[in-house]
Amino acid sequence: VTLLKNANKMSIMQAVRTLRDTHIKDGSLVFFFFSGHGVEFQGVNYMLPLEMHSTDEEDYHHEAVSVDFISRELSNFTATVNVVLLDCCRENDYNSTYEANKGAGRCRSQGFGEHFRGRGRNVEFL
C-alpha cells in the first residue's frame, strides 16, 4: 500500500510509476483512489493536486494529473484488474484551488466528464 496525503503532481506521478515498475505483475489487482477536486477541460479529465500555481485552465495539462495518465500507466499488463476510484467534486464552482476562476462565466471547465469510458474501463459517478 502506498499512501500519499496532500500530494502535488510530481509526487502523484512518481508514486504511480513506482507502483507500475515495482509492484504490478501480470494478473495483479490494482486499486487507485484519489479524493479531491477534478475537472474536465477540452475533453480531458484531470485530478487537481495541491500546489497548483496557475489560474489559467489551459495550464491543466502542465499542473494537473490526467486521468488518462493514471489509466495508461496502470493498464500495460495482461489480465490485470484496475480499479480507479475518483472521489472528486464534479462542479468546478467549488474548486478552491483556482480561487481566481470563481464567479459567473469566468470558468469554462466543468466537473469530470463521463466520456472517458473505454474497453475494460467503466466509470461511475456518485
Foldseek 3Di string as FASTA:
>chain_A
DDDDDLDWPVVVLVVLLCCLPPPDAAQEEAEAEDEEAWWDDPRWIWGQGPPDDDLDPVCCVVGTHTPVSSVVSPPPHHNYQYHYHYNHDFACLPVPRNVVQHDPPSDDITGDDLPPADVNGDDDDD
